[in-house]
């Protein structure tokens, strides 16, 4: 068990409203830590949080208030040194903490100084959208007097207003050359590792080894999150592909059955989304699942909204695309078996439901059969594209981000006009290959799921199946490529 002295203690410091709390949220993957607002002075007290490795606390981070009046504080600190005195920086700061001003005029700054002096190193968070001003330069000199290793962390680096070069020059002028670029809203995939690698160069060897072990843990955790995410998606797609519903052949029954099918698929997708958000330590506040704002209007992303399907490039015939059967493929059943092996008449079904007295009545009169509903391949493709986009967005999202994820229409739209004929997919035994959801056949795992209604957890008759688990694992591996 790590004791208190073995912890690497890091003070997170900087000017007010630069993203110190946001950095801690992202490093701890905790959207609830502290308070994040676009206003100065949000953090008023020092708050601590720990990072663990293999169940043991290894790093303790201290969120400090923003430094608000560095120019006045520097003038005051210089007056504390009497003529002829030779005091080093830490001694000057210790003297300051004993003065009445440390609990009065400079109370906020005193909390920062006290915590930095008590820590092994500091992370100096900078909003690179700000110009380098005299107050920032005085701030840096005050922090340097603490005599602690200091790693500047450049925040908001993805902003068009960033002044990274200006800040790098200013930091170099005070001897700070080791710098980490870490956008807390949209951090790079290896951002944590880079931050810890640079910090390891500044601290003593025992702490450097702790950071190297933490880097390995971060990489392992990221890989596990992604593996779990792709499995969640594979499980969803197998459920939806295997799902089917038998209906009486009259139009009213078919429409009611289709609405039931659509609602079941919506709920199943919602379960997947909630599981993905939880796995990446986000909440429902971080995702807009139903609507997107495009060109000043609201555009519905319902998988089964006829207009939405059409907008996404899903073309299944007039009757299907325009009515309650949107997103369904229909098979004619005779004595419990489908007409042919996997024969689908989805597009033609539009004609059936628009006028049963035509072709549909003749079919029914001949076969006296029932109809089976399954989810159309195109809808499965859109579903896969949407959840894939969500996984990539969650992987790149910082836990301080305030704007919910919105999946752009272009990301999930199909190109059915230019799609080639379905291709034969590789068997499960072969090495996984990347899936192109916009063209070619569905992955073989989903083709097989079509033949096994019992694989769908959306059905009451679903039973555990070793083959289903193999298919889910194989599809997840294919999605990870």
Protein backbone atom coordinates (compact mmCIF):
# COMPACT_ATOMS: atom_id res chain seq x y z
CA UNK A 1 0.00 0.00 0.00
CA UNK A 2 1.31 3.45 -0.92
CA UNK A 3 1.79 5.72 2.07
CA UNK A 4 1.34 9.46 2.13
CA UNK A 5 5.03 10.25 1.49
CA UNK A 6 5.19 8.06 -1.65
CA UNK A 7 2.43 10.00 -3.40
CA UNK A 8 3.43 12.41 -6.12
CA UNK A 9 1.74 15.62 -5.02
CA UNK A 10 0.92 18.04 -7.84
CA UNK A 11 -0.44 21.56 -7.42
CA UNK A 12 -2.54 22.65 -10.40
CA UNK A 13 -2.01 26.39 -10.61
CA UNK A 14 -2.54 29.30 -12.97
CA UNK A 15 -4.44 32.45 -13.69
CA UNK A 16 -8.14 32.52 -12.99
CA UNK A 17 -10.43 30.79 -15.51
CA UNK A 18 -7.74 29.02 -17.53
CA UNK A 19 -9.16 25.50 -17.14
CA UNK A 20 -7.47 24.08 -14.03
CA UNK A 21 -10.59 22.25 -12.87
CA UNK A 22 -11.23 21.16 -16.44
CA UNK A 23 -7.79 19.57 -16.59
CA UNK A 24 -8.50 17.60 -13.42
CA UNK A 25 -11.85 16.43 -14.74
CA UNK A 26 -10.19 15.09 -17.85
CA UNK A 27 -7.26 13.44 -16.08
CA UNK A 28 -9.57 11.78 -13.55
CA UNK A 29 -12.33 11.08 -16.12
CA UNK A 30 -14.77 12.60 -13.65
CA UNK A 31 -17.34 15.02 -15.07
CA UNK A 32 -18.53 15.90 -11.55
CA UNK A 33 -15.22 17.01 -10.03
CA UNK A 34 -15.22 20.63 -8.93
CA UNK A 35 -17.22 23.26 -10.76
CA UNK A 36 -16.65 24.44 -14.32
CA UNK A 37 -18.08 27.76 -15.46
CA UNK A 38 -17.03 30.35 -18.01
CA UNK A 39 -16.52 32.97 -15.32
CA UNK A 40 -13.54 34.01 -13.21
CA UNK A 41 -12.92 32.79 -9.68
CA UNK A 42 -15.08 29.65 -9.87
CA UNK A 43 -12.70 27.65 -7.66
CA UNK A 44 -12.31 29.42 -4.30
CA UNK A 45 -10.66 26.69 -2.22
CA UNK A 46 -8.09 23.95 -2.69
CA UNK A 47 -9.65 20.61 -3.64
CA UNK A 48 -7.77 17.31 -3.90
CA UNK A 49 -8.26 14.19 -5.99
CA UNK A 50 -6.13 11.08 -6.41
CA UNK A 51 -5.11 8.97 -9.39
CA UNK A 52 -4.75 5.25 -8.77
CA UNK A 53 -2.80 2.44 -10.37
CA UNK A 54 -3.66 -1.17 -9.57
CA UNK A 55 -5.92 0.01 -6.78
CA UNK A 56 -3.27 2.15 -5.08
CA UNK A 57 -3.19 5.94 -4.99
CA UNK A 58 -0.05 7.14 -6.80
CA UNK A 59 -0.69 10.80 -7.65
CA UNK A 60 -2.53 13.45 -5.67
CA UNK A 61 -3.69 16.52 -7.59
CA UNK A 62 -4.67 19.77 -5.90
CA UNK A 63 -7.03 22.16 -7.68
CA UNK A 64 -6.17 25.67 -6.53
CA UNK A 65 -7.92 29.03 -6.89
CA UNK A 66 -6.95 31.29 -9.75
CA UNK A 67 -4.24 33.87 -9.23
CA UNK A 68 -6.10 37.15 -9.61
CA UNK A 69 -3.68 39.98 -8.79
CA UNK A 70 -0.17 38.81 -9.57
CA UNK A 71 1.20 42.28 -10.35
CA UNK A 72 0.27 43.70 -6.94
CA UNK A 73 1.46 40.53 -5.20
CA UNK A 74 4.87 40.67 -6.87
CA UNK A 75 5.33 44.27 -5.78
CA UNK A 76 4.36 43.30 -2.23
CA UNK A 77 6.73 40.30 -2.16
CA UNK A 78 9.66 42.45 -3.30
CA UNK A 79 8.97 44.90 -0.48
CA UNK A 80 9.16 42.06 2.03
CA UNK A 81 12.90 41.68 1.38
CA UNK A 82 14.78 44.19 3.47
CA UNK A 83 17.88 45.96 2.10
CA UNK A 84 20.91 43.75 2.54
CA UNK A 85 18.88 40.55 3.05
CA UNK A 86 19.70 37.53 0.90
CA UNK A 87 16.56 35.40 0.82
CA UNK A 88 15.82 32.68 -1.67
CA UNK A 89 12.43 32.41 -3.33
CA UNK A 90 10.85 29.85 -0.97
CA UNK A 91 11.93 31.92 2.06
CA UNK A 92 10.26 35.03 0.63
CA UNK A 93 7.04 33.12 0.06
CA UNK A 94 7.13 31.59 3.55
CA UNK A 95 7.48 35.08 5.01
CA UNK A 96 4.52 36.22 2.91
CA UNK A 97 2.34 33.44 4.33
CA UNK A 98 2.98 34.77 7.85
CA UNK A 99 1.75 38.26 6.97
CA UNK A 100 -1.80 39.55 7.59
CA UNK A 101 -2.20 40.15 3.86
CA UNK A 102 -2.09 36.37 3.32
CA UNK A 103 -5.49 36.12 4.97
CA UNK A 104 -6.72 39.42 3.65
CA UNK A 105 -6.00 41.14 0.37
CA UNK A 106 -4.02 38.20 -1.11
CA UNK A 107 -5.97 35.35 0.45
CA UNK A 108 -6.58 33.58 -2.87
CA UNK A 109 -2.95 33.88 -3.96
CA UNK A 110 -1.78 32.68 -0.53
CA UNK A 111 -3.73 29.45 -0.96
CA UNK A 112 -1.97 28.84 -4.26
CA UNK A 113 1.49 29.61 -2.85
CA UNK A 114 0.94 27.44 0.23
CA UNK A 115 -0.16 24.45 -1.82
CA UNK A 116 2.67 24.76 -4.32
CA UNK A 117 5.23 24.90 -1.52
CA UNK A 118 3.73 21.73 -0.02
CA UNK A 119 3.73 19.86 -3.36
CA UNK A 120 6.40 17.99 -5.30
CA UNK A 121 5.71 19.87 -8.52
CA UNK A 122 3.18 22.11 -10.22
CA UNK A 123 1.12 22.03 -13.38
CA UNK A 124 0.77 25.59 -14.67
CA UNK A 125 -2.39 25.75 -16.81
CA UNK A 126 -2.47 28.39 -19.54
CA UNK A 127 -5.34 29.51 -21.75
CA UNK A 128 -3.44 30.01 -25.00
CA UNK A 129 -6.24 32.15 -26.38
CA UNK A 130 -5.08 34.93 -24.05
CA UNK A 131 -2.27 37.27 -25.07
CA UNK A 132 0.85 37.18 -22.90
CA UNK A 133 0.45 40.14 -20.54
CA UNK A 134 2.54 41.61 -17.75
CA UNK A 135 0.29 39.94 -15.15
CA UNK A 136 1.12 36.53 -16.62
CA UNK A 137 4.85 37.23 -16.54
CA UNK A 138 4.64 38.34 -12.89
CA UNK A 139 2.60 35.22 -12.15
CA UNK A 140 5.31 33.01 -13.60
CA UNK A 141 8.03 34.68 -11.57
CA UNK A 142 6.05 34.29 -8.34
CA UNK A 143 5.49 30.59 -9.03
CA UNK A 144 9.18 30.15 -9.88
CA UNK A 145 10.11 31.48 -6.43
CA UNK A 146 8.55 28.33 -4.92
CA UNK A 147 11.53 26.36 -6.23
CA UNK A 148 9.33 23.50 -7.45
CA UNK A 149 9.42 21.82 -10.87
CA UNK A 150 6.77 23.52 -13.00
CA UNK A 151 5.24 22.07 -16.17
CA UNK A 152 3.23 24.52 -18.28
CA UNK A 153 0.08 22.92 -19.71
CA UNK A 154 -1.22 24.73 -22.78
CA UNK A 155 -5.03 24.56 -22.80
CA UNK A 156 -7.53 25.32 -25.61
CA UNK A 157 -4.90 24.58 -28.23
CA UNK A 158 -7.54 23.64 -30.82
CA UNK A 159 -9.04 27.11 -30.76
CA UNK A 160 -8.63 29.30 -33.83
CA UNK A 161 -7.67 32.09 -31.44
CA UNK A 162 -4.71 30.19 -29.95
CA UNK A 163 -1.37 31.99 -29.45
CA UNK A 164 0.83 28.95 -28.86
CA UNK A 165 4.01 30.39 -30.37
CA UNK A 166 3.65 33.57 -28.32
CA UNK A 167 3.29 31.57 -25.12
CA UNK A 168 6.17 29.23 -25.93
CA UNK A 169 8.47 32.22 -26.37
CA UNK A 170 7.29 33.75 -23.08
CA UNK A 171 7.83 30.50 -21.20
CA UNK A 172 11.27 30.02 -22.70
CA UNK A 173 12.26 33.49 -21.50
CA UNK A 174 11.84 32.32 -17.89
CA UNK A 175 13.54 28.96 -18.47
CA UNK A 176 10.46 26.80 -18.98
CA UNK A 177 11.16 24.66 -22.03
CA UNK A 178 9.35 21.42 -21.14
CA UNK A 179 5.76 22.08 -22.16
CA UNK A 180 2.65 19.94 -22.62
CA UNK A 181 -0.12 20.80 -25.06
CA UNK A 182 -3.33 19.42 -23.59
CA UNK A 183 -6.72 20.70 -24.72
CA UNK A 184 -9.05 19.75 -21.85
CA UNK A 185 -12.15 19.84 -24.07
CA UNK A 186 -10.75 17.70 -26.89
CA UNK A 187 -7.46 16.22 -25.72
CA UNK A 188 -5.26 14.27 -28.15
CA UNK A 189 -5.61 10.49 -27.84
CA UNK A 190 -2.17 10.23 -26.23
CA UNK A 191 -2.43 13.53 -24.40
CA UNK A 192 -2.28 12.05 -20.91
CA UNK A 193 0.79 10.00 -21.73
CA UNK A 194 2.60 13.01 -23.18
CA UNK A 195 1.79 15.11 -20.12
CA UNK A 196 3.10 12.45 -17.74
CA UNK A 197 6.19 11.82 -19.89
CA UNK A 198 7.16 15.48 -19.77
CA UNK A 199 6.43 15.69 -16.06
CA UNK A 200 8.62 12.62 -15.44
CA UNK A 201 11.60 14.59 -16.80
CA UNK A 202 11.19 17.19 -14.06
CA UNK A 203 10.57 15.20 -10.87
CA UNK A 204 12.85 12.92 -8.87
CA UNK A 205 13.50 9.38 -10.09
CA UNK A 206 11.09 7.59 -7.75
CA UNK A 207 8.22 9.78 -8.93
CA UNK A 208 9.35 9.41 -12.55
CA UNK A 209 8.97 5.63 -12.21
CA UNK A 210 5.50 6.16 -10.74
CA UNK A 211 4.54 8.25 -13.75
CA UNK A 212 5.90 5.66 -16.18
CA UNK A 213 3.77 2.98 -14.51
CA UNK A 214 0.79 5.33 -14.66
CA UNK A 215 1.35 5.82 -18.39
CA UNK A 216 1.19 2.05 -18.92
CA UNK A 217 -2.01 1.90 -16.90
CA UNK A 218 -3.56 4.75 -18.91
CA UNK A 219 -2.78 2.93 -22.16
CA UNK A 220 -4.23 -0.34 -20.86
CA UNK A 221 -7.38 1.35 -19.63
CA UNK A 222 -7.91 3.09 -22.97
CA UNK A 223 -7.50 -0.17 -24.87
CA UNK A 224 -9.96 -1.91 -22.54
CA UNK A 225 -12.54 0.87 -22.90
CA UNK A 226 -12.39 0.60 -26.68
CA UNK A 227 -12.58 -3.18 -26.61
CA UNK A 228 -15.66 -2.99 -24.39
CA UNK A 229 -17.21 -0.29 -26.59
CA UNK A 230 -16.86 -2.30 -29.81
CA UNK A 231 -18.32 -5.32 -28.07
CA UNK A 232 -21.32 -3.27 -26.95
CA UNK A 233 -21.87 -2.19 -30.55
CA UNK A 234 -21.43 -5.73 -31.88
CA UNK A 235 -23.97 -6.98 -29.34
CA UNK A 236 -26.45 -4.31 -30.46
CA UNK A 237 -26.04 -5.14 -34.14
CA UNK A 238 -26.45 -8.89 -33.59
CA UNK A 239 -29.59 -8.19 -31.54
CA UNK A 240 -31.10 -6.02 -34.26
CA UNK A 241 -30.10 -8.28 -37.15
CA UNK A 242 -31.54 -11.36 -35.43
CA UNK A 243 -34.76 -9.63 -34.37
CA UNK A 244 -37.91 -10.59 -36.24
CA UNK A 245 -41.64 -10.36 -35.77
CA UNK A 246 -44.42 -12.45 -37.30
CA UNK A 247 -47.59 -10.58 -38.20
CA UNK A 248 -50.97 -11.20 -39.73
CA UNK A 249 -50.83 -10.12 -43.37
CA UNK A 250 -53.47 -7.39 -43.30
CA UNK A 251 -52.28 -3.80 -43.54
CA UNK A 252 -53.41 -2.73 -40.08
CA UNK A 253 -51.69 -5.65 -38.35
CA UNK A 254 -48.53 -5.06 -40.34
CA UNK A 255 -48.41 -1.40 -39.40
CA UNK A 256 -48.95 -2.18 -35.72
CA UNK A 257 -46.27 -4.86 -35.81
CA UNK A 258 -43.88 -2.48 -37.58
CA UNK A 259 -44.42 0.20 -34.95
CA UNK A 260 -43.69 -2.38 -32.26
CA UNK A 261 -40.53 -3.40 -34.08
CA UNK A 262 -39.39 0.20 -34.45
CA UNK A 263 -39.98 0.94 -30.77
CA UNK A 264 -38.03 -2.17 -29.71
CA UNK A 265 -35.07 -1.18 -31.88
CA UNK A 266 -35.14 2.39 -30.55
CA UNK A 267 -35.07 1.10 -26.98
CA UNK A 268 -32.25 -1.30 -27.79
CA UNK A 269 -30.17 1.49 -29.31
CA UNK A 270 -30.87 3.64 -26.26
CA UNK A 271 -29.55 0.84 -24.03
CA UNK A 272 -26.37 0.72 -26.10
CA UNK A 273 -25.91 4.50 -25.95
CA UNK A 274 -26.34 4.56 -22.17
CA UNK A 275 -23.85 1.71 -21.79
CA UNK A 276 -21.30 3.49 -24.01
CA UNK A 277 -21.66 6.77 -22.12
CA UNK A 278 -21.21 4.95 -18.82
CA UNK A 279 -18.18 3.03 -20.07
CA UNK A 280 -16.44 6.29 -21.02
CA UNK A 281 -17.53 7.95 -17.75
CA UNK A 282 -20.00 10.32 -19.36
CA UNK A 283 -23.71 10.94 -18.77
CA UNK A 284 -26.78 11.55 -20.90
CA UNK A 285 -25.98 15.27 -20.75
CA UNK A 286 -23.00 14.61 -23.02
CA UNK A 287 -24.99 13.36 -26.03
CA UNK A 288 -27.85 14.63 -28.17
CA UNK A 289 -29.36 11.38 -29.49
CA UNK A 290 -32.56 12.60 -31.09
CA UNK A 291 -32.03 15.85 -32.92
CA UNK A 292 -29.32 17.88 -34.55
CA UNK A 293 -29.36 21.56 -35.35
CA UNK A 294 -28.51 21.94 -39.01
CA UNK A 295 -28.60 25.26 -40.86
CA UNK A 296 -30.78 26.81 -38.19
CA UNK A 297 -33.44 24.10 -38.34
CA UNK A 298 -34.19 20.93 -36.42
CA UNK A 299 -33.56 17.69 -38.24
CA UNK A 300 -34.93 14.46 -36.82
CA UNK A 301 -32.46 11.59 -36.49
CA UNK A 302 -35.08 8.92 -35.74
CA UNK A 303 -33.93 5.71 -37.40
CA UNK A 304 -37.45 5.06 -38.67
CA UNK A 305 -38.59 8.53 -39.64
CA UNK A 306 -39.36 8.25 -43.38
CA UNK A 307 -37.95 11.68 -44.21
CA UNK A 308 -34.85 11.02 -42.14
CA UNK A 309 -34.28 7.67 -43.84
CA UNK A 310 -34.61 9.29 -47.23
CA UNK A 311 -32.20 12.04 -46.21
CA UNK A 312 -29.71 9.39 -45.11
CA UNK A 313 -29.80 7.70 -48.50
CA UNK A 314 -32.02 4.79 -47.48
CA UNK A 315 -34.20 3.93 -50.48
CA UNK A 316 -36.67 1.09 -50.03
CA UNK A 317 -39.58 1.91 -52.32
CA UNK A 318 -42.33 4.47 -52.03
CA UNK A 319 -44.67 2.51 -49.80
CA UNK A 320 -41.98 1.54 -47.33
CA UNK A 321 -40.20 4.88 -47.26
CA UNK A 322 -43.38 6.87 -46.81
CA UNK A 323 -45.48 4.77 -44.44
CA UNK A 324 -45.43 3.00 -41.10
CA UNK A 325 -43.28 0.20 -42.55
CA UNK A 326 -40.21 2.44 -42.83
CA UNK A 327 -37.08 0.51 -42.06
CA UNK A 328 -38.67 -2.94 -42.31
CA UNK A 329 -37.98 -5.83 -44.64
CA UNK A 330 -40.86 -8.25 -45.22
CA UNK A 331 -40.80 -11.98 -45.92
CA UNK A 332 -43.83 -14.10 -46.80
CA UNK A 333 -44.15 -17.04 -44.42
CA UNK A 334 -45.69 -20.41 -45.23
CA UNK A 335 -46.14 -22.94 -42.43
CA UNK A 336 -43.47 -21.17 -40.41
CA UNK A 337 -40.85 -21.05 -43.19
CA UNK A 338 -39.87 -18.04 -45.25
CA UNK A 339 -40.48 -18.00 -48.99
CA UNK A 340 -37.16 -19.36 -50.22
CA UNK A 341 -33.98 -19.08 -48.21
CA UNK A 342 -33.79 -15.56 -46.87
CA UNK A 343 -35.84 -14.15 -49.74
CA UNK A 344 -36.74 -10.52 -49.09
CA UNK A 345 -39.35 -8.44 -50.82
CA UNK A 346 -38.90 -5.24 -48.80
CA UNK A 347 -39.04 -2.75 -51.64
CA UNK A 348 -41.88 -4.54 -53.35
CA UNK A 349 -43.74 -4.61 -50.06
CA UNK A 350 -44.54 -0.96 -50.60
CA UNK A 351 -46.83 -2.02 -53.41
CA UNK A 352 -48.41 -4.70 -51.24
CA UNK A 353 -49.39 -2.31 -48.45
CA UNK A 354 -50.58 0.39 -50.79
CA UNK A 355 -53.05 -2.00 -52.40
CA UNK A 356 -53.62 -5.47 -51.01
CA UNK A 357 -56.28 -6.04 -53.68
CA UNK A 358 -53.48 -6.27 -56.26
CA UNK A 359 -50.42 -8.49 -55.96
CA UNK A 360 -50.69 -8.92 -52.17
CA UNK A 361 -54.14 -10.47 -52.29
CA UNK A 362 -53.05 -12.95 -54.92
CA UNK A 363 -50.07 -13.99 -52.82
CA UNK A 364 -52.20 -14.39 -49.75
CA UNK A 365 -54.81 -16.31 -51.64
CA UNK A 366 -52.18 -18.68 -52.95
CA UNK A 367 -50.13 -19.22 -49.84
CA UNK A 368 -52.49 -18.39 -46.95
CA UNK A 369 -49.33 -17.31 -45.14
CA UNK A 370 -48.23 -14.71 -42.61
CA UNK A 371 -45.69 -11.96 -42.87
CA UNK A 372 -42.37 -11.70 -41.05
CA UNK A 373 -40.79 -8.36 -40.27
CA UNK A 374 -37.06 -7.83 -39.88
CA UNK A 375 -34.99 -4.67 -39.72
CA UNK A 376 -33.79 -3.60 -43.14
CA UNK A 377 -30.07 -3.87 -43.93
CA UNK A 378 -29.88 -0.14 -44.65
CA UNK A 379 -31.17 0.72 -41.20
CA UNK A 380 -28.60 -1.60 -39.63
CA UNK A 381 -25.91 0.23 -41.61
CA UNK A 382 -27.09 3.63 -40.38
CA UNK A 383 -27.30 2.28 -36.83
CA UNK A 384 -23.72 0.98 -37.06
CA UNK A 385 -22.43 4.26 -38.51
CA UNK A 386 -24.14 6.31 -35.81
CA UNK A 387 -22.80 4.24 -32.92
CA UNK A 388 -19.33 4.06 -34.47
CA UNK A 389 -19.30 7.85 -34.70
CA UNK A 390 -20.40 8.07 -31.06
CA UNK A 391 -17.58 5.75 -29.93
CA UNK A 392 -14.97 7.84 -31.77
CA UNK A 393 -16.44 11.05 -30.33
CA UNK A 394 -16.40 9.68 -26.77
CA UNK A 395 -12.82 8.48 -27.20
CA UNK A 396 -11.72 12.02 -28.10
CA UNK A 397 -13.92 13.94 -25.66
CA UNK A 398 -12.51 15.64 -22.58
CA UNK A 399 -14.50 15.38 -19.36
CA UNK A 400 -14.62 19.13 -19.08
CA UNK A 401 -16.49 19.55 -22.38
CA UNK A 402 -19.78 21.39 -21.93
CA UNK A 403 -21.31 21.11 -25.41
CA UNK A 404 -23.10 17.77 -25.99
CA UNK A 405 -21.94 15.46 -28.77
CA UNK A 406 -24.00 15.81 -31.95
CA UNK A 407 -23.47 13.33 -34.77
CA UNK A 408 -23.48 15.12 -38.11
CA UNK A 409 -25.86 13.85 -40.78
CA UNK A 410 -23.03 13.36 -43.28
CA UNK A 411 -21.31 10.95 -40.90
CA UNK A 412 -24.18 8.46 -40.96
CA UNK A 413 -25.56 8.97 -44.47
CA UNK A 414 -25.36 6.08 -46.93
CA UNK A 415 -24.28 6.29 -50.56
CA UNK A 416 -26.77 3.80 -51.92
CA UNK A 417 -26.71 5.22 -55.44
CA UNK A 418 -23.04 4.28 -55.91
CA UNK A 419 -22.93 1.15 -53.76
CA UNK A 420 -21.82 -2.01 -55.57
CA UNK A 421 -23.62 -5.30 -55.38
CA UNK A 422 -23.24 -7.12 -52.04
CA UNK A 423 -19.95 -8.97 -51.73
CA UNK A 424 -19.17 -12.23 -50.02
CA UNK A 425 -17.78 -11.54 -46.56
CA UNK A 426 -15.01 -13.49 -44.88
CA UNK A 427 -15.94 -16.42 -42.61
CA UNK A 428 -15.48 -16.16 -38.87
CA UNK A 429 -12.29 -18.21 -38.94
CA UNK A 430 -10.50 -15.68 -41.15
CA UNK A 431 -8.61 -12.67 -39.85
CA UNK A 432 -10.98 -9.75 -39.16
CA UNK A 433 -11.24 -7.08 -41.82
CA UNK A 434 -12.46 -3.52 -41.53
CA UNK A 435 -16.17 -2.99 -42.15
CA UNK A 436 -17.34 -0.46 -44.74
CA UNK A 437 -20.94 0.12 -43.74
CA UNK A 438 -21.71 2.13 -46.89
CA UNK A 439 -21.11 -0.60 -49.43
CA UNK A 440 -20.78 -4.33 -49.89
CA UNK A 441 -22.54 -7.00 -47.90
CA UNK A 442 -23.16 -6.96 -44.19
CA UNK A 443 -20.49 -8.71 -42.10
CA UNK A 444 -20.94 -12.46 -42.11
CA UNK A 445 -21.71 -12.42 -38.38
CA UNK A 446 -24.85 -10.36 -39.04
CA UNK A 447 -25.80 -12.50 -42.04
CA UNK A 448 -25.68 -15.51 -39.73
CA UNK A 449 -27.63 -13.64 -37.05
CA UNK A 450 -30.44 -13.22 -39.58
CA UNK A 451 -30.96 -17.01 -39.38
CA UNK A 452 -31.13 -17.14 -35.58
CA UNK A 453 -34.04 -15.23 -34.08
CA UNK A 454 -33.17 -16.73 -30.70
CA UNK A 455 -29.94 -14.68 -30.70
CA UNK A 456 -31.82 -11.42 -30.14
CA UNK A 457 -32.14 -10.29 -26.53
CA UNK A 458 -35.11 -8.22 -27.68
CA UNK A 459 -37.14 -11.44 -27.92
CA UNK A 460 -38.61 -13.24 -24.92
CA UNK A 461 -37.43 -16.58 -26.28
CA UNK A 462 -33.78 -15.51 -26.35
CA UNK A 463 -31.45 -18.13 -24.90
CA UNK A 464 -27.74 -18.07 -24.18
CA UNK A 465 -25.83 -19.38 -27.16
CA UNK A 466 -22.15 -20.14 -27.46
CA UNK A 467 -22.34 -19.52 -31.18
CA UNK A 468 -23.91 -16.11 -30.59
CA UNK A 469 -21.06 -15.20 -28.26
CA UNK A 470 -18.57 -16.27 -30.91
CA UNK A 471 -20.33 -14.12 -33.49
CA UNK A 472 -20.40 -11.08 -31.19
CA UNK A 473 -16.70 -11.49 -30.34
CA UNK A 474 -15.77 -11.92 -34.02
CA UNK A 475 -17.80 -8.88 -35.06
CA UNK A 476 -16.29 -6.79 -32.26
CA UNK A 477 -12.82 -7.76 -33.47
CA UNK A 478 -13.79 -6.78 -37.01
CA UNK A 479 -15.07 -3.39 -35.79
CA UNK A 480 -11.81 -2.70 -33.92
CA UNK A 481 -9.71 -2.97 -37.08
